[in-house]
Amino acid sequence: MRLQAPQFQALFTPGLRSVAELFKKKNYELRIAGGAVRDLLSGVTPQDIDFATTATPAEMKEMFTAAGVRLINNKGEKHGTITARLHEQNFEITTLRIDVVTDGRHAEVEFTTDWHKDAERRDLTVNSMFLGLDGTLYDFFNGYEDLKNKKIRFVGKAAERIQEDYLRILRYFRFYGRISEKPGDHEPNTLQAIKENAKGLAGISGERIWVELKKILLGNHVSHLVQLMYELDIAQYIGLPLDGNLEEFARVTKNIQNLSPKPMTVLTSLFKVKDDVTNLDLRLKISKEEKNLGLFLVKHRQELTKDQGPEPLRPYQDFLMDSREANTNSKIFELLKYQGEEQLLREMQEWTVPSFPVSGHDLRKMGVSSGKEIGTALQQLRDEWKKSGYHMDKEELLSCLKKL
């Protein structure tokens, strides 16, 4: 088939036209690869575009240098990737390759000119397609058919693909949550291969796991996929608690669906105690902000709840006004999402924190001179101000001081 979608046509910037001309002149083949092809076939404009070519890195370097094109970031070179910059745009182009030796984390590669062989070493059928610059689709493993049917399958034998890089287990879940229409539509032999190889995730770095896990947590079918992680013995190898609270997780993921939560907010519903957050951090090296959010939610999710009276937001507002910590308001927003309080979340986001209208200078004018007395008086006035729902102005508070 030949793709002519507007999203595809829009890719042809002056930069891409120049790159295409250089490759054509040298008779090297150049195609769009992987995820960008999947996105284009789904009618989505890709965020990142990877290119694949029959030219070796040395041939590309020579060609670009001769044309006066700037090359940047040579880190990917040993894996066959050259990044060229033309017309204020970066182009990441990788030589077709075969994985010669893999240890479940890294691969030693050998360059090839065989497009089928390169497609064979990719993880999922929907990620294994190429698109020629004339719009021709090259699809060796029925990836387009799977994409149309919203099926997620490994290229070739699932166990072999997983053993090349155990992180592919989590990539399977991520794309399942992104593409599949309903939970539970897995091939039994795929789940079996995942279960038999789950232990391999123990050797994958926490940082790589956390990148994938965060995307899973924000995708579809998350409750089903996390339950599957427990059933297939994956949870223990990726820092999740052995006795995760799956009931709470199912309840919260339902509540939170349209509220754009942070991944940590979703994940915390699985945790029963703060040690679960600490253990996750030890395994995945989450950021300090993520860890603090997890600890905050575990501590406050049950006691900091809406007031049943006419001012349901008051407990959250009071907590925020009393807090001396940074980012308390964003933590409260996440707590409201966790609790499924959509209306209160909107109100809280619109509420501006009022500033206390009285200063020590005002009290000195009234004859209060000692620092200790000023501190005590300010605290008393703050309490009165809080009781009034932060409505009392300076004059009301100062007249209140006379009574006190």
Protein backbone atom coordinates (compact mmCIF):
# COMPACT_ATOMS: atom_id res chain seq x y z
CA MET A 1 0.00 0.00 0.00
CA ARG A 2 1.04 3.62 -0.40
CA LEU A 3 0.36 6.22 2.29
CA GLN A 4 -0.57 9.76 1.21
CA ALA A 5 -2.08 11.07 4.48
CA PRO A 6 -1.72 14.79 5.33
CA GLN A 7 0.32 13.87 8.44
CA PHE A 8 2.81 12.14 6.12
CA GLN A 9 2.95 15.01 3.63
CA ALA A 10 3.58 17.44 6.50
CA LEU A 11 6.88 15.69 7.30
CA PHE A 12 8.47 16.97 4.12
CA THR A 13 10.18 20.05 5.52
CA PRO A 14 13.11 21.70 3.68
CA GLY A 15 15.40 19.70 5.99
CA LEU A 16 13.92 16.31 5.07
CA ARG A 17 13.92 17.17 1.36
CA SER A 18 17.64 18.01 1.57
CA VAL A 19 18.42 14.77 3.44
CA ALA A 20 16.41 12.71 0.93
CA GLU A 21 18.29 14.31 -1.99
CA LEU A 22 21.69 13.47 -0.49
CA PHE A 23 20.76 9.80 0.03
CA LYS A 24 19.23 9.52 -3.44
CA LYS A 25 22.34 10.99 -5.07
CA LYS A 26 24.48 8.30 -3.38
CA ASN A 27 21.97 5.49 -4.07
CA TYR A 28 21.51 4.73 -0.37
CA GLU A 29 17.99 3.70 0.65
CA LEU A 30 16.31 5.80 3.35
CA ARG A 31 13.02 4.98 5.07
CA ILE A 32 11.03 6.09 8.09
CA ALA A 33 11.18 3.39 10.79
CA GLY A 34 9.41 2.03 13.86
CA GLY A 35 7.06 4.08 16.01
CA ALA A 36 6.68 6.95 13.55
CA VAL A 37 5.27 4.54 10.94
CA ARG A 38 2.82 3.16 13.50
CA ASP A 39 1.68 6.70 14.35
CA LEU A 40 1.29 7.75 10.72
CA LEU A 41 -0.78 4.66 9.93
CA SER A 42 -2.99 5.51 12.93
CA GLY A 43 -3.54 9.04 11.60
CA VAL A 44 -1.36 10.58 14.33
CA THR A 45 1.44 13.09 13.73
CA PRO A 46 4.59 11.46 15.19
CA GLN A 47 6.51 13.32 17.91
CA ASP A 48 9.86 11.77 16.95
CA ILE A 49 10.86 10.38 13.61
CA ASP A 50 13.57 7.74 13.29
CA PHE A 51 15.04 6.90 9.92
CA ALA A 52 16.73 3.69 8.78
CA THR A 53 19.19 3.32 5.92
CA THR A 54 21.36 0.87 4.03
CA ALA A 55 24.32 3.31 4.35
CA THR A 56 26.88 2.53 7.08
CA PRO A 57 27.75 5.19 9.70
CA ALA A 58 31.10 5.77 7.94
CA GLU A 59 29.37 6.27 4.58
CA MET A 60 26.86 8.67 6.14
CA LYS A 61 29.61 10.68 7.86
CA GLU A 62 31.55 10.98 4.63
CA MET A 63 28.43 12.00 2.66
CA PHE A 64 27.26 14.60 5.22
CA THR A 65 30.76 16.05 5.77
CA ALA A 66 31.31 16.43 2.01
CA ALA A 67 27.98 18.30 1.80
CA GLY A 68 28.97 20.59 4.70
CA VAL A 69 26.21 19.21 6.98
CA ARG A 70 26.74 19.51 10.73
CA LEU A 71 26.79 16.23 12.70
CA ILE A 72 25.83 16.22 16.37
CA ASN A 73 25.98 13.77 19.29
CA ASN A 74 28.27 10.91 18.24
CA LYS A 75 27.19 8.69 21.17
CA GLY A 76 24.93 6.51 19.01
CA GLU A 77 27.60 5.86 16.41
CA LYS A 78 28.73 2.42 17.60
CA HIS A 79 25.09 1.26 17.38
CA GLY A 80 24.89 2.71 13.89
CA THR A 81 23.12 6.01 14.53
CA ILE A 82 24.21 9.31 12.99
CA THR A 83 22.44 12.57 13.85
CA ALA A 84 22.60 15.28 11.19
CA ARG A 85 21.33 18.86 11.59
CA LEU A 86 19.84 20.60 8.55
CA HIS A 87 17.56 23.65 8.41
CA GLU A 88 17.30 23.85 12.24
CA GLN A 89 16.09 20.23 12.41
CA ASN A 90 17.79 17.09 13.72
CA PHE A 91 17.63 13.85 11.72
CA GLU A 92 18.48 10.62 13.55
CA ILE A 93 19.39 7.99 10.98
CA THR A 94 20.39 4.42 11.86
CA THR A 95 22.06 1.81 9.69
CA LEU A 96 20.10 -1.45 9.29
CA ARG A 97 21.48 -3.96 11.76
CA ILE A 98 21.35 -7.47 13.17
CA ASP A 99 21.79 -8.25 16.86
CA VAL A 100 24.73 -10.67 16.97
CA VAL A 101 24.95 -11.19 20.76
CA THR A 102 22.39 -10.11 23.36
CA ASP A 103 22.46 -10.51 27.15
CA GLY A 104 18.91 -9.39 27.91
CA ARG A 105 20.03 -5.78 28.38
CA HIS A 106 22.48 -4.79 25.63
CA ALA A 107 23.18 -6.04 22.14
CA GLU A 108 26.28 -6.26 19.96
CA VAL A 109 25.24 -5.31 16.46
CA GLU A 110 26.38 -6.01 12.94
CA PHE A 111 25.34 -3.79 10.03
CA THR A 112 23.30 -5.17 7.14
CA THR A 113 21.49 -3.99 4.01
CA ASP A 114 18.64 -6.47 4.55
CA TRP A 115 15.44 -4.67 5.62
CA HIS A 116 13.74 -7.94 6.62
CA LYS A 117 16.59 -8.84 8.99
CA ASP A 118 16.38 -5.43 10.67
CA ALA A 119 12.60 -5.73 11.09
CA GLU A 120 13.11 -9.19 12.60
CA ARG A 121 15.08 -7.84 15.57
CA ARG A 122 12.42 -5.26 16.54
CA ASP A 123 10.10 -5.91 19.48
CA LEU A 124 6.45 -5.76 18.37
CA THR A 125 4.88 -6.18 14.94
CA VAL A 126 3.30 -2.70 15.12
CA ASN A 127 6.81 -1.25 15.63
CA SER A 128 8.55 -3.27 12.93
CA MET A 129 7.33 -1.48 9.78
CA PHE A 130 9.14 0.91 7.43
CA LEU A 131 7.76 3.65 5.22
CA GLY A 132 9.50 4.73 2.04
CA LEU A 133 9.65 8.47 1.34
CA ASP A 134 7.26 7.85 -1.56
CA GLY A 135 4.70 6.50 0.95
CA THR A 136 5.28 2.78 0.23
CA LEU A 137 4.72 0.58 3.31
CA TYR A 138 7.22 -2.23 3.98
CA ASP A 139 5.62 -4.61 6.45
CA PHE A 140 7.25 -8.02 6.93
CA PHE A 141 5.29 -9.25 9.97
CA ASN A 142 1.68 -8.10 9.41
CA GLY A 143 2.12 -5.10 11.68
CA TYR A 144 -0.46 -3.04 9.76
CA GLU A 145 -3.03 -5.81 10.07
CA ASP A 146 -2.35 -6.03 13.83
CA LEU A 147 -2.61 -2.25 14.14
CA LYS A 148 -5.99 -2.23 12.38
CA ASN A 149 -7.19 -5.10 14.60
CA LYS A 150 -5.67 -3.42 17.69
CA LYS A 151 -3.58 -6.53 18.44
CA ILE A 152 -0.23 -6.42 20.21
CA ARG A 153 2.11 -9.25 19.24
CA PHE A 154 5.84 -9.83 19.41
CA VAL A 155 7.77 -10.21 16.17
CA GLY A 156 8.39 -13.94 15.71
CA LYS A 157 8.67 -15.94 18.94
CA ALA A 158 7.78 -13.94 22.04
CA ALA A 159 10.37 -15.69 24.28
CA GLU A 160 13.21 -14.94 21.83
CA ARG A 161 12.30 -11.26 21.55
CA ILE A 162 12.00 -10.94 25.35
CA GLN A 163 15.35 -12.65 26.00
CA GLU A 164 17.06 -10.12 23.72
CA ASP A 165 15.93 -7.34 26.09
CA TYR A 166 13.76 -8.14 29.14
CA LEU A 167 12.42 -4.58 29.20
CA ARG A 168 10.28 -5.64 26.22
CA ILE A 169 7.90 -7.25 28.75
CA LEU A 170 6.98 -3.77 29.96
CA ARG A 171 6.94 -2.38 26.42
CA TYR A 172 4.37 -5.06 25.57
CA PHE A 173 2.17 -3.78 28.43
CA ARG A 174 2.71 -0.15 27.46
CA PHE A 175 1.63 -0.66 23.85
CA TYR A 176 -1.22 -2.90 24.94
CA GLY A 177 -2.53 0.01 27.06
CA ARG A 178 -2.08 2.36 24.15
CA ILE A 179 -3.52 0.36 21.26
CA SER A 180 -5.76 -2.51 22.45
CA GLU A 181 -9.46 -1.77 22.73
CA LYS A 182 -10.29 -4.05 25.63
CA PRO A 183 -8.52 -5.74 28.53
CA GLY A 184 -7.76 -9.46 28.42
CA ASP A 185 -7.17 -9.76 24.66
CA HIS A 186 -3.77 -11.49 24.95
CA GLU A 187 -2.41 -14.54 23.20
CA PRO A 188 -1.91 -17.27 25.86
CA ASN A 189 1.57 -18.18 24.55
CA THR A 190 2.63 -14.52 24.89
CA LEU A 191 1.57 -14.44 28.55
CA GLN A 192 3.33 -17.77 29.12
CA ALA A 193 6.56 -16.40 27.59
CA ILE A 194 6.30 -13.30 29.79
CA LYS A 195 5.79 -15.38 32.95
CA GLU A 196 8.72 -17.69 32.16
CA ASN A 197 11.03 -14.71 31.56
CA ALA A 198 9.77 -12.29 34.24
CA LYS A 199 12.85 -12.87 36.40
CA GLY A 200 14.99 -11.29 33.67
CA LEU A 201 13.57 -7.89 34.70
CA ALA A 202 15.64 -8.15 37.90
CA GLY A 203 18.72 -7.34 35.82
CA ILE A 204 17.24 -4.24 34.15
CA SER A 205 18.13 -0.84 35.61
CA GLY A 206 15.51 0.89 37.73
CA GLU A 207 15.63 4.01 35.60
CA ARG A 208 14.69 2.11 32.41
CA ILE A 209 11.87 0.29 34.20
CA TRP A 210 10.46 3.52 35.67
CA VAL A 211 10.31 5.18 32.23
CA GLU A 212 8.12 2.33 30.93
CA LEU A 213 6.07 1.92 34.10
CA LYS A 214 5.10 5.61 34.15
CA LYS A 215 3.74 5.33 30.61
CA ILE A 216 1.77 2.18 31.53
CA LEU A 217 0.24 3.97 34.54
CA LEU A 218 -1.09 6.77 32.31
CA GLY A 219 -2.40 4.45 29.56
CA ASN A 220 -5.64 2.49 29.20
CA HIS A 221 -6.49 -0.80 30.95
CA VAL A 222 -4.02 0.06 33.73
CA SER A 223 -5.89 -1.87 36.44
CA HIS A 224 -5.96 -4.99 34.25
CA LEU A 225 -2.28 -4.64 33.31
CA VAL A 226 -1.05 -4.18 36.88
CA GLN A 227 -3.12 -7.16 38.03
CA LEU A 228 -1.43 -9.12 35.22
CA MET A 229 1.97 -8.04 36.57
CA TYR A 230 1.10 -9.80 39.80
CA GLU A 231 -0.35 -12.89 38.11
CA LEU A 232 2.73 -13.27 35.89
CA ASP A 233 5.23 -12.77 38.79
CA ILE A 234 6.58 -9.49 37.39
CA ALA A 235 5.71 -7.16 40.32
CA GLN A 236 8.43 -8.40 42.67
CA TYR A 237 11.19 -7.67 40.13
CA ILE A 238 10.17 -4.06 39.42
CA GLY A 239 9.87 -2.69 42.95
CA LEU A 240 6.12 -3.21 43.50
CA PRO A 241 5.00 -4.52 46.93
CA LEU A 242 4.39 -8.26 47.12
CA ASP A 243 0.96 -7.68 48.67
CA GLY A 244 -0.12 -4.67 46.62
CA ASN A 245 -3.64 -3.40 47.31
CA LEU A 246 -5.21 -4.32 43.97
CA GLU A 247 -8.75 -3.47 45.12
CA GLU A 248 -7.78 0.08 46.04
CA PHE A 249 -5.79 0.32 42.80
CA ALA A 250 -8.85 -0.69 40.73
CA ARG A 251 -11.04 1.82 42.60
CA VAL A 252 -8.61 4.74 42.27
CA THR A 253 -7.76 4.12 38.60
CA LYS A 254 -11.49 4.32 37.89
CA ASN A 255 -11.87 7.59 39.87
CA ILE A 256 -8.89 9.24 38.31
CA GLN A 257 -9.48 8.42 34.65
CA ASN A 258 -10.09 11.92 33.27
CA LEU A 259 -8.16 13.96 35.84
CA SER A 260 -4.61 13.81 34.34
CA PRO A 261 -2.94 12.39 37.45
CA LYS A 262 0.80 12.05 37.91
CA PRO A 263 2.03 8.44 37.53
CA MET A 264 3.00 8.37 41.21
CA THR A 265 -0.56 9.30 42.24
CA VAL A 266 -1.92 6.28 40.38
CA LEU A 267 0.79 3.94 41.68
CA THR A 268 0.42 4.98 45.33
CA SER A 269 -3.05 3.41 45.46
CA LEU A 270 -1.23 0.05 45.34
CA PHE A 271 0.74 0.87 48.49
CA LYS A 272 -0.40 0.10 52.02
CA VAL A 273 2.43 1.65 54.07
CA LYS A 274 5.15 4.25 53.53
CA ASP A 275 7.82 1.51 53.35
CA ASP A 276 6.26 0.54 50.01
CA VAL A 277 7.25 3.97 48.67
CA THR A 278 10.77 3.65 50.11
CA ASN A 279 11.23 0.19 48.57
CA LEU A 280 10.02 1.45 45.19
CA ASP A 281 12.59 4.25 45.38
CA LEU A 282 15.39 1.80 46.23
CA ARG A 283 14.59 -0.28 43.14
CA LEU A 284 13.61 2.39 40.58
CA LYS A 285 15.51 5.52 41.75
CA ILE A 286 12.42 7.72 41.45
CA SER A 287 12.86 11.49 41.81
CA LYS A 288 12.73 13.19 45.20
CA GLU A 289 9.51 14.95 44.16
CA GLU A 290 7.89 11.61 43.20
CA LYS A 291 8.96 10.00 46.47
CA ASN A 292 7.63 12.91 48.55
CA LEU A 293 4.30 12.80 46.69
CA GLY A 294 3.98 9.05 47.37
CA LEU A 295 4.73 9.52 51.08
CA PHE A 296 2.28 12.46 51.29
CA LEU A 297 -0.56 10.46 49.71
CA VAL A 298 0.00 7.37 51.87
CA LYS A 299 0.00 9.58 54.99
CA HIS A 300 -2.97 11.86 54.21
CA ARG A 301 -5.31 9.97 51.84
CA GLN A 302 -7.62 8.83 54.65
CA GLU A 303 -7.50 11.63 57.23
CA LEU A 304 -7.39 14.69 54.94
CA THR A 305 -10.84 14.49 53.36
CA LYS A 306 -13.60 16.94 52.51
CA ASP A 307 -15.70 18.54 55.22
CA GLN A 308 -19.30 17.30 55.32
CA GLY A 309 -20.58 20.82 56.13
CA PRO A 310 -21.17 23.79 53.83
CA GLU A 311 -17.42 24.31 53.20
CA PRO A 312 -16.11 20.97 51.88
CA LEU A 313 -12.77 22.53 50.81
CA ARG A 314 -11.89 23.91 54.24
CA PRO A 315 -9.75 20.97 55.46
CA TYR A 316 -7.58 21.22 52.33
CA GLN A 317 -7.35 25.02 52.54
CA ASP A 318 -6.42 24.89 56.23
CA PHE A 319 -3.79 22.25 55.56
CA LEU A 320 -2.28 24.38 52.82
CA MET A 321 -2.27 27.53 54.99
CA ASP A 322 -0.60 25.68 57.88
CA SER A 323 1.99 23.93 55.73
CA ARG A 324 5.57 25.14 55.67
CA GLU A 325 6.59 22.77 52.87
CA ALA A 326 7.13 23.62 49.22
CA ASN A 327 4.70 22.31 46.57
CA THR A 328 1.96 21.56 49.09
CA ASN A 329 -0.73 22.88 46.73
CA SER A 330 0.29 20.50 43.90
CA LYS A 331 0.31 17.59 46.37
CA ILE A 332 -3.22 18.54 47.48
CA PHE A 333 -4.33 18.63 43.82
CA GLU A 334 -3.00 15.07 43.42
CA LEU A 335 -4.73 14.00 46.64
CA LEU A 336 -8.06 15.32 45.34
CA LYS A 337 -7.52 13.41 42.09
CA TYR A 338 -6.72 10.26 44.09
CA GLN A 339 -9.96 10.74 46.02
CA GLY A 340 -11.91 11.28 42.79
CA GLU A 341 -13.08 14.74 43.91
CA GLU A 342 -13.31 16.32 40.46
CA GLN A 343 -15.48 19.30 41.47
CA LEU A 344 -13.38 20.12 44.56
CA LEU A 345 -10.21 19.83 42.49
CA ARG A 346 -11.52 22.50 40.09
CA GLU A 347 -12.46 24.77 42.99
CA MET A 348 -9.12 24.24 44.71
CA GLN A 349 -7.24 25.03 41.50
CA GLU A 350 -9.16 28.30 41.18
CA TRP A 351 -8.67 29.26 44.85
CA THR A 352 -5.87 31.75 45.41
CA VAL A 353 -4.08 31.54 48.73
CA PRO A 354 -4.97 34.75 50.61
CA SER A 355 -2.17 36.68 52.29
CA PHE A 356 -2.41 37.36 56.01
CA PRO A 357 -3.32 41.08 56.28
CA VAL A 358 -1.54 41.92 59.58
CA SER A 359 2.19 42.40 60.12
CA GLY A 360 4.43 42.93 63.12
CA HIS A 361 4.73 46.58 62.03
CA ASP A 362 0.93 47.00 62.53
CA LEU A 363 1.23 45.64 66.08
CA ARG A 364 4.14 47.92 66.96
CA LYS A 365 1.98 50.90 65.90
CA MET A 366 -0.57 49.69 68.44
CA GLY A 367 2.03 49.67 71.18
CA VAL A 368 3.01 45.98 71.28
CA SER A 369 6.77 46.20 71.55
CA SER A 370 8.36 42.93 72.70
CA GLY A 371 9.20 40.44 69.95
CA LYS A 372 7.77 37.57 71.97
CA GLU A 373 4.43 39.37 72.46
CA ILE A 374 4.27 40.24 68.75
CA GLY A 375 4.83 36.55 67.84
CA THR A 376 2.09 35.39 70.22
CA ALA A 377 -0.36 38.08 69.07
CA LEU A 378 0.24 37.28 65.37
CA GLN A 379 -0.44 33.60 66.02
CA GLN A 380 -3.69 34.41 67.88
CA LEU A 381 -4.82 36.67 65.03
CA ARG A 382 -3.91 34.01 62.48
CA ASP A 383 -6.16 31.55 64.35
CA GLU A 384 -9.05 34.05 64.30
CA TRP A 385 -8.46 34.73 60.61
CA LYS A 386 -8.50 30.97 59.90
CA LYS A 387 -11.79 30.56 61.85
CA SER A 388 -13.35 33.27 59.68
CA GLY A 389 -12.48 31.29 56.55
CA TYR A 390 -9.68 33.83 55.79
CA HIS A 391 -12.27 36.58 55.28
CA MET A 392 -11.42 39.02 58.13
CA ASP A 393 -9.54 42.12 56.98
CA LYS A 394 -6.84 44.07 58.80
CA GLU A 395 -9.22 46.38 60.71
CA GLU A 396 -11.41 43.52 61.92
CA LEU A 397 -8.38 41.60 63.09
CA LEU A 398 -6.81 44.56 64.88
CA SER A 399 -10.08 45.33 66.67
CA CYS A 400 -10.18 41.67 67.59
CA LEU A 401 -6.70 42.06 69.12
CA LYS A 402 -8.01 44.72 71.51
CA LYS A 403 -10.57 42.20 72.82
CA LEU A 404 -7.91 39.50 73.12
